[in-house]
Amino acid sequence: MLELNVSKIWLLGATLLSPTLTYAQDTSPSEELPSPLTSEIEFGYQSHSGNSESQALNSRLDLEYISGRYRTSGEWKFYLLYKDGEEDKRQSTYSFQSDYKLSAKTYLYGSFKGIDSRYSAYFKDYTFSGGLGYQFSNTDELVLELEFGPGFRYQEPNKDEIDDDDIIFPDIVEEPIFQGSMNSSWQALDNLAVGANITVIAGRSNTRTDSELSVTNNITDDIALKIAHNRQYHDKVPDGLAKADSIFSVNLLFLF
């Protein structure tokens, strides 16, 4: 009789525990969630044409963090320019932007872009901007964003280093600006992406347009070859200079 009662108790306990064990097994995570942080490291070679003929080595670090309604990104670029076998330019370019989603398509943004240089015509070139962004498309295949808003520009010229081929005027610039930009990327194939970005900064002293067209071909899941063409246009330049300069670069891109 005692053995029979023990058997009944064991069977009843197993019956009660079985749904719990099944539930625990069903709710265990089947796959890891993607990391909110993505990063890129880039190394490459530049060939300059226009107002100067030279070669340069460049590097780039890009970080992006997305959490809920917030998106934060930062980029740092460094390049070393040589002319006639001598160091001619050492420059750091950095940018930081933070976005806050208002709806499925719209967001607020605040951004800062800065240039610090040792040899070039500008010691410092800083731009602050904030405004509204709109995402026409934000999918794995196609990203198309438009941003616009007011801002402020500060430029400090290096009068000792201004050459005949520098597109600047020897004046300190402190002025309000209006900035607009368009960012796009298209995943044309599984291993091929095309990007196009345009930024316009308009102020009393000058209107500058920066554009980049790039093609990225994945060699492996973590390494890609990136070919880019950058163009910089100023509507006001000193006499005798072209208004546009272009940079062609071939880079190795490491994805994390």
C-alpha atoms as a PDB file:
ATOM      1  CA  MET A   1       0.000   0.000   0.000  1.00  0.00           C
ATOM      2  CA  LEU A   2       2.844   2.380   0.861  1.00  0.00           C
ATOM      3  CA  GLU A   3       4.595   1.675  -2.449  1.00  0.00           C
ATOM      4  CA  LEU A   4       1.336   2.348  -4.315  1.00  0.00           C
ATOM      5  CA  ASN A   5       0.855   5.705  -2.572  1.00  0.00           C
ATOM      6  CA  VAL A   6       4.445   6.745  -3.343  1.00  0.00           C
ATOM      7  CA  SER A   7       3.943   5.856  -6.989  1.00  0.00           C
ATOM      8  CA  LYS A   8       0.755   7.952  -7.134  1.00  0.00           C
ATOM      9  CA  ILE A   9       2.504  10.931  -5.521  1.00  0.00           C
ATOM     10  CA  TRP A  10       5.448  10.701  -7.964  1.00  0.00           C
ATOM     11  CA  LEU A  11       3.104  10.469 -10.958  1.00  0.00           C
ATOM     12  CA  LEU A  12       1.057  13.460  -9.744  1.00  0.00           C
ATOM     13  CA  GLY A  13       4.224  15.556  -9.244  1.00  0.00           C
ATOM     14  CA  ALA A  14       5.565  14.677 -12.691  1.00  0.00           C
ATOM     15  CA  THR A  15       2.213  15.670 -14.218  1.00  0.00           C
ATOM     16  CA  LEU A  16       2.264  19.058 -12.504  1.00  0.00           C
ATOM     17  CA  LEU A  17       5.883  19.774 -13.407  1.00  0.00           C
ATOM     18  CA  SER A  18       5.684  18.794 -17.066  1.00  0.00           C
ATOM     19  CA  PRO A  19       3.879  21.997 -18.295  1.00  0.00           C
ATOM     20  CA  THR A  20       6.406  24.126 -16.408  1.00  0.00           C
ATOM     21  CA  LEU A  21       9.345  22.323 -18.001  1.00  0.00           C
ATOM     22  CA  THR A  22       7.738  22.604 -21.422  1.00  0.00           C
ATOM     23  CA  TYR A  23       7.121  26.363 -20.960  1.00  0.00           C
ATOM     24  CA  ALA A  24      10.694  26.977 -19.810  1.00  0.00           C
ATOM     25  CA  GLN A  25      11.996  25.134 -22.848  1.00  0.00           C
ATOM     26  CA  ASP A  26       9.760  27.075 -25.258  1.00  0.00           C
ATOM     27  CA  THR A  27      10.700  30.522 -23.858  1.00  0.00           C
ATOM     28  CA  SER A  28      14.460  30.009 -23.942  1.00  0.00           C
ATOM     29  CA  PRO A  29      16.112  32.281 -26.529  1.00  0.00           C
ATOM     30  CA  SER A  30      16.620  30.469 -29.835  1.00  0.00           C
ATOM     31  CA  GLU A  31      19.071  33.028 -31.228  1.00  0.00           C
ATOM     32  CA  GLU A  32      21.090  35.993 -30.041  1.00  0.00           C
ATOM     33  CA  LEU A  33      19.797  39.501 -30.702  1.00  0.00           C
ATOM     34  CA  PRO A  34      21.979  41.692 -32.956  1.00  0.00           C
ATOM     35  CA  SER A  35      24.312  44.066 -31.161  1.00  0.00           C
ATOM     36  CA  PRO A  36      23.135  47.716 -30.996  1.00  0.00           C
ATOM     37  CA  LEU A  37      26.737  48.797 -31.699  1.00  0.00           C
ATOM     38  CA  THR A  38      28.305  48.555 -35.164  1.00  0.00           C
ATOM     39  CA  SER A  39      31.756  49.739 -36.191  1.00  0.00           C
ATOM     40  CA  GLU A  40      33.944  50.139 -39.275  1.00  0.00           C
ATOM     41  CA  ILE A  41      37.686  50.630 -39.676  1.00  0.00           C
ATOM     42  CA  GLU A  42      39.048  51.814 -43.003  1.00  0.00           C
ATOM     43  CA  PHE A  43      42.518  52.193 -44.510  1.00  0.00           C
ATOM     44  CA  GLY A  44      43.318  53.472 -47.960  1.00  0.00           C
ATOM     45  CA  TYR A  45      45.129  55.564 -50.529  1.00  0.00           C
ATOM     46  CA  GLN A  46      44.066  58.915 -51.987  1.00  0.00           C
ATOM     47  CA  SER A  47      44.946  60.600 -55.254  1.00  0.00           C
ATOM     48  CA  HIS A  48      44.158  64.355 -55.368  1.00  0.00           C
ATOM     49  CA  SER A  49      43.429  66.342 -58.518  1.00  0.00           C
ATOM     50  CA  GLY A  50      42.265  69.891 -59.171  1.00  0.00           C
ATOM     51  CA  ASN A  51      44.154  72.658 -57.397  1.00  0.00           C
ATOM     52  CA  SER A  52      46.827  70.215 -56.190  1.00  0.00           C
ATOM     53  CA  GLU A  53      48.504  67.017 -57.405  1.00  0.00           C
ATOM     54  CA  SER A  54      49.542  64.742 -54.537  1.00  0.00           C
ATOM     55  CA  GLN A  55      49.166  61.380 -52.841  1.00  0.00           C
ATOM     56  CA  ALA A  56      48.008  60.565 -49.334  1.00  0.00           C
ATOM     57  CA  LEU A  57      47.414  57.716 -46.918  1.00  0.00           C
ATOM     58  CA  ASN A  58      44.191  57.814 -44.931  1.00  0.00           C
ATOM     59  CA  SER A  59      42.383  55.976 -42.135  1.00  0.00           C
ATOM     60  CA  ARG A  60      38.848  56.107 -40.760  1.00  0.00           C
ATOM     61  CA  LEU A  61      36.913  54.850 -37.723  1.00  0.00           C
ATOM     62  CA  ASP A  62      33.111  54.854 -37.659  1.00  0.00           C
ATOM     63  CA  LEU A  63      30.803  53.854 -34.764  1.00  0.00           C
ATOM     64  CA  GLU A  64      27.005  53.710 -34.560  1.00  0.00           C
ATOM     65  CA  TYR A  65      24.788  52.826 -31.581  1.00  0.00           C
ATOM     66  CA  ILE A  66      21.011  52.363 -31.847  1.00  0.00           C
ATOM     67  CA  SER A  67      18.764  51.888 -28.811  1.00  0.00           C
ATOM     68  CA  GLY A  68      15.019  52.469 -28.866  1.00  0.00           C
ATOM     69  CA  ARG A  69      14.285  55.912 -30.272  1.00  0.00           C
ATOM     70  CA  TYR A  70      17.928  57.029 -30.060  1.00  0.00           C
ATOM     71  CA  ARG A  71      20.657  56.704 -32.669  1.00  0.00           C
ATOM     72  CA  THR A  72      24.170  57.986 -31.989  1.00  0.00           C
ATOM     73  CA  SER A  73      27.040  57.931 -34.478  1.00  0.00           C
ATOM     74  CA  GLY A  74      30.606  59.168 -34.529  1.00  0.00           C
ATOM     75  CA  GLU A  75      33.346  59.240 -37.147  1.00  0.00           C
ATOM     76  CA  TRP A  76      37.052  60.053 -37.029  1.00  0.00           C
ATOM     77  CA  LYS A  77      39.294  60.436 -40.084  1.00  0.00           C
ATOM     78  CA  PHE A  78      43.033  60.986 -40.227  1.00  0.00           C
ATOM     79  CA  TYR A  79      45.249  61.434 -43.233  1.00  0.00           C
ATOM     80  CA  LEU A  80      48.834  62.294 -43.976  1.00  0.00           C
ATOM     81  CA  LEU A  81      49.604  64.103 -47.219  1.00  0.00           C
ATOM     82  CA  TYR A  82      52.942  64.124 -48.997  1.00  0.00           C
ATOM     83  CA  LYS A  83      54.152  66.415 -51.769  1.00  0.00           C
ATOM     84  CA  ASP A  84      57.565  65.973 -53.406  1.00  0.00           C
ATOM     85  CA  GLY A  85      58.529  63.414 -50.777  1.00  0.00           C
ATOM     86  CA  GLU A  86      57.888  65.712 -47.792  1.00  0.00           C
ATOM     87  CA  GLU A  87      55.058  65.820 -45.262  1.00  0.00           C
ATOM     88  CA  ASP A  88      52.702  68.554 -46.359  1.00  0.00           C
ATOM     89  CA  LYS A  89      49.551  67.993 -44.309  1.00  0.00           C
ATOM     90  CA  ARG A  90      48.488  66.191 -41.142  1.00  0.00           C
ATOM     91  CA  GLN A  91      44.759  66.492 -40.531  1.00  0.00           C
ATOM     92  CA  SER A  92      42.064  65.063 -38.257  1.00  0.00           C
ATOM     93  CA  THR A  93      38.403  65.227 -39.186  1.00  0.00           C
ATOM     94  CA  TYR A  94      35.749  64.160 -36.709  1.00  0.00           C
ATOM     95  CA  SER A  95      31.973  64.250 -36.490  1.00  0.00           C
ATOM     96  CA  PHE A  96      29.320  63.368 -33.929  1.00  0.00           C
ATOM     97  CA  GLN A  97      25.560  63.150 -34.360  1.00  0.00           C
ATOM     98  CA  SER A  98      22.662  62.139 -32.130  1.00  0.00           C
ATOM     99  CA  ASP A  99      19.113  61.466 -33.399  1.00  0.00           C
ATOM    100  CA  TYR A 100      15.774  61.056 -31.626  1.00  0.00           C
ATOM    101  CA  LYS A 101      12.831  59.421 -33.390  1.00  0.00           C
ATOM    102  CA  LEU A 102       9.592  61.411 -33.386  1.00  0.00           C
ATOM    103  CA  SER A 103       7.671  58.954 -35.549  1.00  0.00           C
ATOM    104  CA  ALA A 104       8.270  56.094 -37.941  1.00  0.00           C
ATOM    105  CA  LYS A 105       9.699  58.507 -40.554  1.00  0.00           C
ATOM    106  CA  THR A 106      10.779  61.707 -38.790  1.00  0.00           C
ATOM    107  CA  TYR A 107      13.496  62.444 -36.228  1.00  0.00           C
ATOM    108  CA  LEU A 108      15.320  65.332 -34.582  1.00  0.00           C
ATOM    109  CA  TYR A 109      19.098  65.551 -34.955  1.00  0.00           C
ATOM    110  CA  GLY A 110      22.014  67.482 -33.511  1.00  0.00           C
ATOM    111  CA  SER A 111      25.456  67.309 -35.108  1.00  0.00           C
ATOM    112  CA  PHE A 112      29.004  68.603 -34.811  1.00  0.00           C
ATOM    113  CA  LYS A 113      31.751  68.402 -37.431  1.00  0.00           C
ATOM    114  CA  GLY A 114      35.304  69.574 -36.863  1.00  0.00           C
ATOM    115  CA  ILE A 115      38.645  69.753 -38.646  1.00  0.00           C
ATOM    116  CA  ASP A 116      41.974  70.287 -36.880  1.00  0.00           C
ATOM    117  CA  SER A 117      45.033  70.670 -39.078  1.00  0.00           C
ATOM    118  CA  ARG A 118      48.722  71.363 -38.569  1.00  0.00           C
ATOM    119  CA  TYR A 119      49.808  72.563 -41.997  1.00  0.00           C
ATOM    120  CA  SER A 120      46.705  73.509 -43.962  1.00  0.00           C
ATOM    121  CA  ALA A 121      45.122  76.921 -44.352  1.00  0.00           C
ATOM    122  CA  TYR A 122      42.666  76.385 -41.492  1.00  0.00           C
ATOM    123  CA  PHE A 123      43.794  75.614 -37.951  1.00  0.00           C
ATOM    124  CA  LYS A 124      40.181  74.929 -36.985  1.00  0.00           C
ATOM    125  CA  ASP A 125      36.991  74.485 -38.975  1.00  0.00           C
ATOM    126  CA  TYR A 126      33.926  73.728 -36.810  1.00  0.00           C
ATOM    127  CA  THR A 127      30.274  73.364 -37.801  1.00  0.00           C
ATOM    128  CA  PHE A 128      27.307  72.921 -35.445  1.00  0.00           C
ATOM    129  CA  SER A 129      23.844  72.084 -36.764  1.00  0.00           C
ATOM    130  CA  GLY A 130      20.462  70.860 -35.529  1.00  0.00           C
ATOM    131  CA  GLY A 131      17.103  70.279 -37.119  1.00  0.00           C
ATOM    132  CA  LEU A 132      14.694  67.781 -38.607  1.00  0.00           C
ATOM    133  CA  GLY A 133      15.377  64.514 -40.424  1.00  0.00           C
ATOM    134  CA  TYR A 134      13.070  62.448 -42.611  1.00  0.00           C
ATOM    135  CA  GLN A 135      13.552  58.819 -43.654  1.00  0.00           C
ATOM    136  CA  PHE A 136      11.981  58.064 -47.027  1.00  0.00           C
ATOM    137  CA  SER A 137      13.237  54.481 -46.696  1.00  0.00           C
ATOM    138  CA  ASN A 138      15.058  52.620 -43.925  1.00  0.00           C
ATOM    139  CA  THR A 139      15.354  48.959 -44.891  1.00  0.00           C
ATOM    140  CA  ASP A 140      18.201  46.486 -45.332  1.00  0.00           C
ATOM    141  CA  GLU A 141      18.025  47.062 -49.090  1.00  0.00           C
ATOM    142  CA  LEU A 142      17.587  50.851 -49.281  1.00  0.00           C
ATOM    143  CA  VAL A 143      18.299  53.758 -46.920  1.00  0.00           C
ATOM    144  CA  LEU A 144      17.323  57.281 -47.970  1.00  0.00           C
ATOM    145  CA  GLU A 145      17.414  60.137 -45.436  1.00  0.00           C
ATOM    146  CA  LEU A 146      17.075  63.904 -45.715  1.00  0.00           C
ATOM    147  CA  GLU A 147      18.196  66.365 -42.983  1.00  0.00           C
ATOM    148  CA  PHE A 148      17.970  70.144 -42.774  1.00  0.00           C
ATOM    149  CA  GLY A 149      18.303  72.817 -40.122  1.00  0.00           C
ATOM    150  CA  PRO A 150      20.124  75.944 -38.929  1.00  0.00           C
ATOM    151  CA  GLY A 151      23.581  75.997 -37.384  1.00  0.00           C
ATOM    152  CA  PHE A 152      26.794  77.915 -36.775  1.00  0.00           C
ATOM    153  CA  ARG A 153      30.211  77.876 -38.444  1.00  0.00           C
ATOM    154  CA  TYR A 154      33.603  78.845 -36.991  1.00  0.00           C
ATOM    155  CA  GLN A 155      36.766  78.902 -39.101  1.00  0.00           C
ATOM    156  CA  GLU A 156      40.192  80.063 -37.972  1.00  0.00           C
ATOM    157  CA  PRO A 157      42.677  80.509 -40.834  1.00  0.00           C
ATOM    158  CA  ASN A 158      46.359  79.707 -40.545  1.00  0.00           C
ATOM    159  CA  LYS A 159      47.779  82.779 -42.264  1.00  0.00           C
ATOM    160  CA  ASP A 160      51.353  81.459 -42.129  1.00  0.00           C
ATOM    161  CA  GLU A 161      50.404  78.388 -44.173  1.00  0.00           C
ATOM    162  CA  ILE A 162      48.077  79.857 -46.807  1.00  0.00           C
ATOM    163  CA  ASP A 163      49.362  78.971 -50.282  1.00  0.00           C
ATOM    164  CA  ASP A 164      48.275  80.036 -53.724  1.00  0.00           C
ATOM    165  CA  ASP A 165      46.277  76.821 -54.159  1.00  0.00           C
ATOM    166  CA  ASP A 166      44.238  77.075 -50.916  1.00  0.00           C
ATOM    167  CA  ILE A 167      40.519  77.754 -51.354  1.00  0.00           C
ATOM    168  CA  ILE A 168      40.088  80.164 -48.442  1.00  0.00           C
ATOM    169  CA  PHE A 169      40.112  83.837 -47.573  1.00  0.00           C
ATOM    170  CA  PRO A 170      42.387  85.034 -44.718  1.00  0.00           C
ATOM    171  CA  ASP A 171      39.543  85.990 -42.364  1.00  0.00           C
ATOM    172  CA  ILE A 172      38.123  84.444 -39.197  1.00  0.00           C
ATOM    173  CA  VAL A 173      34.599  83.207 -39.923  1.00  0.00           C
ATOM    174  CA  GLU A 174      31.898  83.274 -37.232  1.00  0.00           C
ATOM    175  CA  GLU A 175      28.474  83.093 -38.809  1.00  0.00           C
ATOM    176  CA  PRO A 176      25.061  81.403 -38.764  1.00  0.00           C
ATOM    177  CA  ILE A 177      24.517  78.830 -41.476  1.00  0.00           C
ATOM    178  CA  PHE A 178      21.848  76.618 -42.968  1.00  0.00           C
ATOM    179  CA  GLN A 179      22.769  72.985 -43.499  1.00  0.00           C
ATOM    180  CA  GLY A 180      21.061  70.343 -45.584  1.00  0.00           C
ATOM    181  CA  SER A 181      22.165  66.802 -46.322  1.00  0.00           C
ATOM    182  CA  MET A 182      21.014  63.681 -48.122  1.00  0.00           C
ATOM    183  CA  ASN A 183      22.309  60.227 -47.160  1.00  0.00           C
ATOM    184  CA  SER A 184      21.570  57.098 -49.176  1.00  0.00           C
ATOM    185  CA  SER A 185      22.770  53.530 -49.567  1.00  0.00           C
ATOM    186  CA  TRP A 186      21.509  50.751 -51.828  1.00  0.00           C
ATOM    187  CA  GLN A 187      22.331  47.070 -51.347  1.00  0.00           C
ATOM    188  CA  ALA A 188      22.359  46.254 -55.055  1.00  0.00           C
ATOM    189  CA  LEU A 189      23.626  42.680 -54.566  1.00  0.00           C
ATOM    190  CA  ASP A 190      24.351  40.479 -51.572  1.00  0.00           C
ATOM    191  CA  ASN A 191      28.015  41.541 -51.672  1.00  0.00           C
ATOM    192  CA  LEU A 192      27.754  44.927 -53.429  1.00  0.00           C
ATOM    193  CA  ALA A 193      26.493  48.234 -51.965  1.00  0.00           C
ATOM    194  CA  VAL A 194      26.311  51.702 -53.540  1.00  0.00           C
ATOM    195  CA  GLY A 195      26.248  54.888 -51.439  1.00  0.00           C
ATOM    196  CA  ALA A 196      25.681  58.551 -52.257  1.00  0.00           C
ATOM    197  CA  ASN A 197      25.854  61.452 -49.764  1.00  0.00           C
ATOM    198  CA  ILE A 198      25.526  65.214 -50.307  1.00  0.00           C
ATOM    199  CA  THR A 199      25.920  67.990 -47.703  1.00  0.00           C
ATOM    200  CA  VAL A 200      25.355  71.707 -48.370  1.00  0.00           C
ATOM    201  CA  ILE A 201      26.483  74.356 -45.855  1.00  0.00           C
ATOM    202  CA  ALA A 202      25.324  77.846 -46.781  1.00  0.00           C
ATOM    203  CA  GLY A 203      26.564  80.992 -45.031  1.00  0.00           C
ATOM    204  CA  ARG A 204      27.349  84.619 -45.764  1.00  0.00           C
ATOM    205  CA  SER A 205      31.045  83.958 -46.376  1.00  0.00           C
ATOM    206  CA  ASN A 206      30.639  80.917 -48.607  1.00  0.00           C
ATOM    207  CA  THR A 207      28.443  78.033 -49.681  1.00  0.00           C
ATOM    208  CA  ARG A 208      30.177  74.676 -49.615  1.00  0.00           C
ATOM    209  CA  THR A 209      28.873  71.454 -51.154  1.00  0.00           C
ATOM    210  CA  ASP A 210      30.439  68.103 -50.273  1.00  0.00           C
ATOM    211  CA  SER A 211      29.449  64.971 -52.162  1.00  0.00           C
ATOM    212  CA  GLU A 212      30.578  61.354 -52.007  1.00  0.00           C
ATOM    213  CA  LEU A 213      29.811  58.440 -54.300  1.00  0.00           C
ATOM    214  CA  SER A 214      31.063  55.046 -53.127  1.00  0.00           C
ATOM    215  CA  VAL A 215      30.917  51.389 -54.135  1.00  0.00           C
ATOM    216  CA  THR A 216      31.613  48.712 -51.501  1.00  0.00           C
ATOM    217  CA  ASN A 217      32.298  45.106 -52.470  1.00  0.00           C
ATOM    218  CA  ASN A 218      32.376  42.513 -49.670  1.00  0.00           C
ATOM    219  CA  ILE A 219      35.390  40.216 -49.919  1.00  0.00           C
ATOM    220  CA  THR A 220      34.411  38.258 -46.791  1.00  0.00           C
ATOM    221  CA  ASP A 221      31.792  38.816 -44.080  1.00  0.00           C
ATOM    222  CA  ASP A 222      34.213  41.141 -42.246  1.00  0.00           C
ATOM    223  CA  ILE A 223      36.406  42.656 -45.001  1.00  0.00           C
ATOM    224  CA  ALA A 224      35.341  44.777 -47.964  1.00  0.00           C
ATOM    225  CA  LEU A 225      36.897  46.835 -50.742  1.00  0.00           C
ATOM    226  CA  LYS A 226      35.575  50.402 -50.934  1.00  0.00           C
ATOM    227  CA  ILE A 227      36.091  52.744 -53.877  1.00  0.00           C
ATOM    228  CA  ALA A 228      34.987  56.352 -53.322  1.00  0.00           C
ATOM    229  CA  HIS A 229      34.947  59.651 -55.167  1.00  0.00           C
ATOM    230  CA  ASN A 230      34.619  62.828 -53.079  1.00  0.00           C
ATOM    231  CA  ARG A 231      33.991  66.278 -54.520  1.00  0.00           C
ATOM    232  CA  GLN A 232      34.128  69.612 -52.691  1.00  0.00           C
ATOM    233  CA  TYR A 233      32.674  72.765 -54.265  1.00  0.00           C
ATOM    234  CA  HIS A 234      32.866  76.400 -53.026  1.00  0.00           C
ATOM    235  CA  ASP A 235      30.833  79.138 -54.640  1.00  0.00           C
ATOM    236  CA  LYS A 236      33.458  81.789 -53.714  1.00  0.00           C
ATOM    237  CA  VAL A 237      37.193  81.222 -54.211  1.00  0.00           C
ATOM    238  CA  PRO A 238      40.260  83.490 -54.518  1.00  0.00           C
ATOM    239  CA  ASP A 239      41.114  84.651 -58.037  1.00  0.00           C
ATOM    240  CA  GLY A 240      42.724  82.089 -60.284  1.00  0.00           C
ATOM    241  CA  LEU A 241      41.498  78.963 -58.432  1.00  0.00           C
ATOM    242  CA  ALA A 242      39.031  76.296 -59.464  1.00  0.00           C
ATOM    243  CA  LYS A 243      35.847  76.110 -57.432  1.00  0.00           C
ATOM    244  CA  ALA A 244      35.903  72.305 -57.208  1.00  0.00           C
ATOM    245  CA  ASP A 245      38.398  69.791 -55.844  1.00  0.00           C
ATOM    246  CA  SER A 246      38.027  66.017 -56.047  1.00  0.00           C
ATOM    247  CA  ILE A 247      39.497  63.036 -54.211  1.00  0.00           C
ATOM    248  CA  PHE A 248      39.553  59.453 -55.479  1.00  0.00           C
ATOM    249  CA  SER A 249      40.281  56.767 -52.879  1.00  0.00           C
ATOM    250  CA  VAL A 250      40.598  52.993 -52.734  1.00  0.00           C
ATOM    251  CA  ASN A 251      40.219  51.586 -49.213  1.00  0.00           C
ATOM    252  CA  LEU A 252      40.074  48.322 -47.322  1.00  0.00           C
ATOM    253  CA  LEU A 253      37.077  48.293 -44.982  1.00  0.00           C
ATOM    254  CA  PHE A 254      36.919  46.128 -41.846  1.00  0.00           C
ATOM    255  CA  LEU A 255      33.420  45.525 -40.425  1.00  0.00           C
ATOM    256  CA  PHE A 256      32.669  44.643 -36.779  1.00  0.00           C
END
